[in-house]
Each structure stands twice: as structure tokens, then as C-alpha cells.
Amino acid sequence: MNLVVEFKAKDLEKIKAFYTKSFDWSFTDYGPTYTAFSESGVKGGFEKTENDIVNGALVVLYHKDLDSIKRKIIKSNGKISKDIFSFPGGHRFHFIDPSGNELAIWSDK
């Protein structure tokens, strides 16, 4: 599995400026509400939000078959918190593990 970490941000321009100046990260915008970063050692991005940021990081795992991994998660007592949806990079869903952690799984298929 590949790993992606997504963060929430109130202002994408400010967050891009901060990480570019502080860490020399590069960014690619995918519409007005999402920017992906590179040159950081891990793949990831920032999603624009107006909500309070409580848990700002979302770990996103890759799997080639979302339907099969979704069934395994449910069978293993995980709960689906956001069903499969499409986005500019493919499709994904979110789930809650037995400890209450929310993660996501994406596929480019």
C-alpha cells in the first residue's frame, strides 16, 4: 500500500506559503479546495475547510480494489464514515477503525 497524508487548512495560499518557505515543498492545485504537496518525503495534500480543525491529519492508504477492501474493513468491525466517492485523482472512501481513528483508502481505478 502507498501512504498519503492529508491535512485540513483554512487558507490554502497561506499554508502553501508557509510550507514552501519553511521546508521548500512544492504544490499542485486540484481546484479551489485542494492542493497536493511534493518534495516532502511523503505524498499528501491540504483540503480547504471552514470547520474547526480538530484532527487535522487524514492518513490515506492506497488499494487497487476499493469494493473488496471495503468489505474486509466492514467484516473486521470497521465502520464506513464516508462511502466511495470520486475526486480528481480517482475514488476513495473513509472508515473508522475499532479505536475510533478515521482513515481513507483511495484507488486510481
Protein backbone atom coordinates (compact mmCIF):
# COMPACT_ATOMS: atom_id res chain seq x y z
CA MET A 1 0.00 0.00 0.00
CA ASN A 2 1.10 3.57 -0.67
CA LEU A 3 0.67 6.16 2.04
CA VAL A 4 -0.74 9.67 1.67
CA VAL A 5 -1.31 12.16 4.50
CA GLU A 6 -3.95 14.85 4.11
CA PHE A 7 -4.31 17.88 6.32
CA LYS A 8 -7.08 20.45 6.72
CA ALA A 9 -6.40 24.15 6.15
CA LYS A 10 -8.46 27.32 6.49
CA ASP A 11 -6.40 29.24 3.90
CA LEU A 12 -4.62 27.27 1.17
CA GLU A 13 -2.50 30.21 -0.02
CA LYS A 14 -1.14 30.85 3.49
CA ILE A 15 -0.45 27.18 4.13
CA LYS A 16 1.35 26.80 0.78
CA ALA A 17 3.48 29.87 1.52
CA PHE A 18 4.36 28.54 4.98
CA TYR A 19 5.48 25.08 3.82
CA THR A 20 7.25 26.42 0.74
CA LYS A 21 9.24 28.95 2.76
CA SER A 22 9.86 26.66 5.72
CA PHE A 23 10.52 23.32 4.04
CA ASP A 24 10.87 24.00 0.27
CA TRP A 25 7.78 21.91 -0.54
CA SER A 26 6.20 22.20 -3.99
CA PHE A 27 2.44 22.30 -4.57
CA THR A 28 -0.02 21.31 -7.30
CA ASP A 29 -3.54 22.72 -7.07
CA TYR A 30 -6.52 20.49 -7.87
CA GLY A 31 -9.32 23.01 -7.94
CA PRO A 32 -10.05 25.72 -5.37
CA THR A 33 -10.34 23.39 -2.34
CA TYR A 34 -7.35 21.04 -2.60
CA THR A 35 -3.61 21.29 -3.08
CA ALA A 36 -1.14 18.39 -3.14
CA PHE A 37 2.42 18.71 -1.87
CA SER A 38 5.65 17.12 -3.02
CA GLU A 39 9.35 17.34 -2.15
CA SER A 40 8.36 16.46 1.43
CA GLY A 41 9.35 12.79 1.77
CA VAL A 42 5.69 11.68 1.80
CA LYS A 43 2.76 12.25 -0.55
CA GLY A 44 -0.05 14.40 0.72
CA GLY A 45 -2.16 17.47 0.47
CA PHE A 46 -4.28 20.11 2.14
CA GLU A 47 -8.06 20.30 1.91
CA LYS A 48 -9.72 23.68 2.46
CA THR A 49 -12.23 23.72 5.29
CA GLU A 50 -14.34 26.33 7.04
CA ASN A 51 -14.91 23.98 10.00
CA ASP A 52 -12.85 23.98 13.19
CA ILE A 53 -9.81 21.76 12.73
CA VAL A 54 -9.87 19.13 15.48
CA ASN A 55 -7.91 16.28 13.93
CA GLY A 56 -6.16 17.94 11.02
CA ALA A 57 -4.41 14.88 9.55
CA LEU A 58 -6.02 12.15 7.47
CA VAL A 59 -3.92 9.09 6.60
CA VAL A 60 -4.87 7.84 3.14
CA LEU A 61 -3.90 4.31 2.10
CA TYR A 62 -3.91 3.00 -1.48
CA HIS A 63 -5.68 -0.17 -2.59
CA LYS A 64 -6.36 -1.29 -6.15
CA ASP A 65 -9.87 -2.63 -5.38
CA LEU A 66 -12.00 -0.36 -3.17
CA ASP A 67 -15.01 -2.70 -3.08
CA SER A 68 -13.02 -5.67 -1.80
CA ILE A 69 -11.09 -3.71 0.85
CA LYS A 70 -14.31 -2.02 1.96
CA ARG A 71 -15.91 -5.44 2.53
CA LYS A 72 -12.84 -6.59 4.53
CA ILE A 73 -12.95 -3.48 6.71
CA ILE A 74 -16.65 -3.98 7.49
CA LYS A 75 -16.09 -7.70 8.17
CA SER A 76 -13.26 -6.76 10.56
CA ASN A 77 -15.53 -4.46 12.59
CA GLY A 78 -14.56 -1.19 10.91
CA LYS A 79 -17.25 1.36 10.09
CA ILE A 80 -17.61 3.28 6.85
CA SER A 81 -17.78 7.01 7.64
CA LYS A 82 -17.88 8.29 4.04
CA ASP A 83 -18.87 5.91 1.24
CA ILE A 84 -16.97 5.61 -2.04
CA PHE A 85 -16.85 8.89 -3.97
CA SER A 86 -14.89 10.23 -6.90
CA PHE A 87 -12.36 13.06 -6.82
CA PRO A 88 -9.83 14.36 -9.38
CA GLY A 89 -7.32 11.59 -8.55
CA GLY A 90 -9.70 8.61 -8.65
CA HIS A 91 -12.08 7.24 -6.00
CA ARG A 92 -11.91 6.78 -2.24
CA PHE A 93 -13.84 6.17 0.96
CA HIS A 94 -13.28 6.87 4.65
CA PHE A 95 -13.56 4.44 7.53
CA ILE A 96 -13.33 4.35 11.31
CA ASP A 97 -11.15 1.65 12.86
CA PRO A 98 -12.14 -0.10 16.15
CA SER A 99 -10.24 2.54 18.17
CA GLY A 100 -12.09 5.43 16.55
CA ASN A 101 -9.35 6.59 14.14
CA GLU A 102 -10.57 7.81 10.76
CA LEU A 103 -8.53 6.84 7.72
CA ALA A 104 -9.23 6.78 4.00
CA ILE A 105 -8.47 4.40 1.16
CA TRP A 106 -8.11 5.57 -2.44
CA SER A 107 -7.70 4.00 -5.82
CA ASP A 108 -6.89 5.46 -9.20
CA LYS A 109 -9.22 2.87 -10.78
